[in-house]
Protein backbone atom coordinates (compact mmCIF):
# COMPACT_ATOMS: atom_id res chain seq x y z
CA MET A 1 -69.89 30.22 22.54
CA PRO A 2 -72.13 30.48 25.49
CA HIS A 3 -72.07 33.77 27.37
CA ARG A 4 -71.22 34.22 31.05
CA THR A 5 -73.81 36.73 31.86
CA GLU A 6 -77.52 37.24 30.79
CA GLN A 7 -76.70 40.55 29.56
CA GLU A 8 -74.26 39.29 27.08
CA SER A 9 -76.65 36.81 25.70
CA PHE A 10 -79.48 39.63 25.69
CA TRP A 11 -77.38 41.72 23.33
CA ALA A 12 -75.98 38.92 21.10
CA GLY A 13 -79.60 37.50 20.35
CA ASP A 14 -82.94 38.90 19.18
CA PHE A 15 -83.06 42.07 21.24
CA GLY A 16 -79.59 43.03 20.09
CA ASP A 17 -80.84 42.54 16.35
CA ALA A 18 -83.84 44.76 17.13
CA TYR A 19 -81.64 47.46 18.54
CA THR A 20 -79.45 47.24 15.28
CA ASP A 21 -82.77 47.67 13.18
CA ARG A 22 -83.87 50.62 15.42
CA ASN A 23 -80.89 52.88 15.65
CA ARG A 24 -79.61 53.98 12.40
CA GLY A 25 -79.59 57.28 10.24
CA GLU A 26 -77.18 59.74 9.12
CA HIS A 27 -78.57 62.16 11.50
CA LEU A 28 -77.07 60.03 14.29
CA VAL A 29 -73.71 60.06 12.58
CA ALA A 30 -73.77 63.92 12.41
CA SER A 31 -74.63 64.12 16.13
CA ASN A 32 -71.75 61.76 16.76
CA ILE A 33 -69.41 63.92 14.72
CA ALA A 34 -70.36 66.88 16.87
CA LEU A 35 -69.79 64.91 20.27
CA PHE A 36 -66.52 63.37 19.29
CA SER A 37 -65.34 66.80 17.98
CA ARG A 38 -65.99 68.32 21.33
CA ALA A 39 -64.49 65.52 23.34
CA LEU A 40 -61.47 64.89 21.33
CA ALA A 41 -60.54 68.51 20.90
CA HIS A 42 -58.69 68.00 24.17
CA THR A 43 -56.40 65.17 22.68
CA ASP A 44 -53.50 65.03 20.54
CA GLY A 45 -51.71 62.67 18.29
CA ILE A 46 -54.39 59.86 18.19
CA THR A 47 -53.40 57.50 15.51
CA SER A 48 -55.49 54.17 16.64
CA VAL A 49 -58.81 53.79 18.06
CA LEU A 50 -60.69 50.88 19.68
CA GLU A 51 -64.49 50.78 20.35
CA LEU A 52 -65.89 48.37 22.75
CA GLY A 53 -69.55 47.66 21.86
CA ALA A 54 -69.67 49.18 18.34
CA ASN A 55 -72.91 48.11 16.85
CA ILE A 56 -73.21 48.95 13.19
CA GLY A 57 -70.63 51.58 13.21
CA LEU A 58 -72.30 54.95 13.72
CA ASN A 59 -69.53 56.04 16.10
CA LEU A 60 -66.73 55.01 13.87
CA GLN A 61 -68.25 56.52 10.93
CA ALA A 62 -68.11 59.87 12.73
CA LEU A 63 -64.54 59.14 13.97
CA ARG A 64 -63.44 58.49 10.46
CA GLN A 65 -64.45 62.17 9.63
CA VAL A 66 -62.95 63.50 13.10
CA LEU A 67 -59.76 61.45 12.90
CA PRO A 68 -59.40 60.61 9.15
CA GLU A 69 -55.75 59.08 9.51
CA ALA A 70 -56.53 56.95 12.53
CA ARG A 71 -56.55 53.11 12.56
CA LEU A 72 -59.97 51.81 13.59
CA SER A 73 -60.66 48.70 15.53
CA ALA A 74 -64.00 47.54 17.05
CA VAL A 75 -65.41 44.65 19.28
CA GLU A 76 -69.16 43.85 18.90
CA ILE A 77 -71.02 40.96 20.35
CA ASN A 78 -73.93 40.77 18.03
CA GLU A 79 -73.14 39.08 14.63
CA LYS A 80 -75.98 40.90 12.67
CA ALA A 81 -74.60 44.34 13.83
CA ALA A 82 -70.85 43.36 13.01
CA ARG A 83 -71.87 42.31 9.57
CA GLU A 84 -73.25 45.80 9.01
CA LEU A 85 -70.40 47.43 10.59
CA ARG A 86 -67.90 45.84 8.21
CA THR A 87 -70.01 47.21 5.32
CA ARG A 88 -70.03 50.79 6.79
CA VAL A 89 -66.54 50.97 7.91
CA PRO A 90 -64.78 48.46 5.71
CA GLU A 91 -61.29 49.62 6.84
CA ALA A 92 -61.91 48.73 10.47
CA GLN A 93 -60.68 45.63 12.10
CA VAL A 94 -63.67 44.05 13.58
CA GLN A 95 -63.81 41.08 16.21
CA VAL A 96 -67.15 39.55 16.90
CA GLU A 97 -67.12 38.59 20.65
CA SER A 98 -68.09 39.79 24.13
CA LEU A 99 -65.74 42.62 25.31
CA LEU A 100 -65.47 40.52 28.49
CA GLU A 101 -63.70 38.07 26.50
CA LEU A 102 -61.23 40.23 24.63
CA GLN A 103 -57.68 39.41 25.29
CA PRO A 104 -55.91 42.40 23.50
CA THR A 105 -52.29 41.71 22.34
CA THR A 106 -51.59 45.37 21.56
CA THR A 107 -52.85 48.93 22.67
CA TRP A 108 -54.64 51.83 21.04
CA ASP A 109 -54.20 55.55 21.60
CA LEU A 110 -57.83 55.86 22.36
CA VAL A 111 -60.23 53.29 23.75
CA PHE A 112 -63.89 54.16 24.10
CA THR A 113 -67.50 53.01 24.95
CA LYS A 114 -70.55 54.75 24.22
CA GLY A 115 -73.73 53.44 25.77
CA VAL A 116 -72.13 50.25 26.70
CA LEU A 117 -70.91 50.19 30.23
CA ILE A 118 -74.64 50.98 31.18
CA HIS A 119 -75.72 47.58 29.92
CA LEU A 120 -73.03 45.43 31.67
CA HIS A 121 -74.04 43.72 34.96
CA PRO A 122 -72.40 45.70 37.83
CA GLU A 123 -70.20 42.66 38.81
CA ALA A 124 -68.74 42.51 35.40
CA LEU A 125 -67.62 46.09 35.42
CA PRO A 126 -64.14 45.50 37.19
CA GLU A 127 -63.40 43.31 34.04
CA ALA A 128 -64.56 45.99 31.62
CA TYR A 129 -62.61 48.68 33.59
CA ASP A 130 -59.39 46.51 33.37
CA LEU A 131 -59.78 45.96 29.76
CA LEU A 132 -60.03 49.73 29.12
CA HIS A 133 -57.09 50.40 31.03
CA ARG A 134 -54.91 47.57 29.55
CA ALA A 135 -55.87 48.45 26.03
CA ALA A 136 -55.50 52.09 26.19
CA ALA A 137 -52.15 53.62 25.46
CA ARG A 138 -53.16 57.30 26.08
CA TYR A 139 -56.73 57.98 26.49
CA ILE A 140 -59.95 56.43 27.63
CA LEU A 141 -63.45 58.09 26.68
CA VAL A 142 -66.57 56.94 28.35
CA VAL A 143 -69.76 58.18 26.97
CA GLU A 144 -72.56 56.72 29.13
CA TYR A 145 -75.59 57.55 31.39
CA TYR A 146 -74.36 59.25 34.47
CA ASN A 147 -75.60 58.96 38.08
CA PRO A 148 -73.78 59.91 41.22
CA ALA A 149 -74.57 56.67 42.93
CA PRO A 150 -75.40 53.32 41.24
CA VAL A 151 -78.84 52.60 40.15
CA GLU A 152 -80.73 50.39 37.91
CA VAL A 153 -83.42 51.68 35.50
CA PRO A 154 -86.13 49.61 33.63
CA TYR A 155 -85.13 49.20 29.99
CA ARG A 156 -87.79 48.74 27.28
CA GLY A 157 -89.94 46.63 29.54
CA HIS A 158 -86.68 44.56 30.89
CA THR A 159 -85.26 44.57 34.21
CA GLY A 160 -81.41 43.85 34.89
CA LYS A 161 -80.41 45.48 31.62
CA LEU A 162 -79.45 49.09 32.29
CA PHE A 163 -77.38 50.38 35.11
CA LYS A 164 -76.50 54.00 35.65
CA ARG A 165 -73.45 55.04 37.87
CA ASP A 166 -70.22 57.23 37.79
CA PHE A 167 -68.26 54.89 35.46
CA ALA A 168 -65.50 57.67 35.21
CA GLY A 169 -65.23 57.94 38.80
CA ASP A 170 -64.80 54.35 39.23
CA LEU A 171 -61.93 54.16 36.71
CA LEU A 172 -60.21 57.22 38.42
CA ASP A 173 -60.52 55.27 41.86
CA ARG A 174 -59.20 52.13 40.41
CA PHE A 175 -56.31 53.49 38.52
CA ALA A 176 -53.77 55.90 39.87
CA ASP A 177 -52.28 56.72 36.46
CA LEU A 178 -55.59 58.08 35.20
CA THR A 179 -56.50 61.79 35.17
CA LEU A 180 -59.59 63.62 34.10
CA VAL A 181 -58.87 65.64 31.11
CA GLU A 182 -62.45 67.16 30.38
CA TYR A 183 -66.26 66.20 30.56
CA GLY A 184 -69.42 67.21 28.96
CA PHE A 185 -73.13 66.60 28.52
CA ALA A 186 -75.05 66.02 25.31
CA TYR A 187 -78.79 66.87 25.57
CA HIS A 188 -81.67 65.01 23.77
CA ARG A 189 -83.32 68.32 23.12
CA ASP A 190 -80.30 69.97 21.54
CA PRO A 191 -81.90 71.59 18.28
CA ILE A 192 -79.06 70.52 15.97
CA PHE A 193 -77.03 67.73 17.42
CA PRO A 194 -79.07 65.75 19.81
CA GLN A 195 -77.80 62.80 21.93
CA ASP A 196 -79.59 60.44 24.48
CA ASP A 197 -78.80 62.73 27.54
CA LEU A 198 -75.17 61.20 27.48
CA THR A 199 -72.43 62.37 29.79
CA TRP A 200 -68.86 61.87 28.32
CA PHE A 201 -65.49 61.88 30.41
CA LEU A 202 -62.14 61.89 28.69
CA LEU A 203 -59.37 60.49 30.93
CA ARG A 204 -55.67 60.50 30.03
CA LYS A 205 -53.26 57.75 31.05
CA GLY A 206 -49.84 58.14 32.50
């Protein structure tokens, strides 16, 4: 199926394949366990999780440890990554498609993105926000690069592929039933559990 935006085609194709080959390792899973443990300490009763843009499953592998009883679901646009995801997290329900094409027929207690909204074209963000809100029964977690004002950043020699902004602020402004629960920062020089300078925001719905 042809994609509507160049960013979708970019991640579904060769660059997405190369990203899949480059970003792997048990140290990343360990760092994710630490991050999700901090963020989800402020939740209760999560029995189902949906990740939008799951790649090979490093986040879901971590969540399997943090929320061992939760039902895991994922959407991933890159077929190569999705194949490995199914191997790494065989119990997860995986859909291979763009999150912009997803039409959920159910909701999940937690819906999250990690390093995904930054790669969507800004004009596509309202659709992504509506999907996050529609699919979430209780919590939304966004783990992205933060900037107080929208800005584009060159990404590995490419333009139009990485955008920083206040994603959580956009969500809070767009949906009156969302409230901020907690937020935090994960530093790339953390001596034990480094992340890629990501800021996370946990929102509660209702």
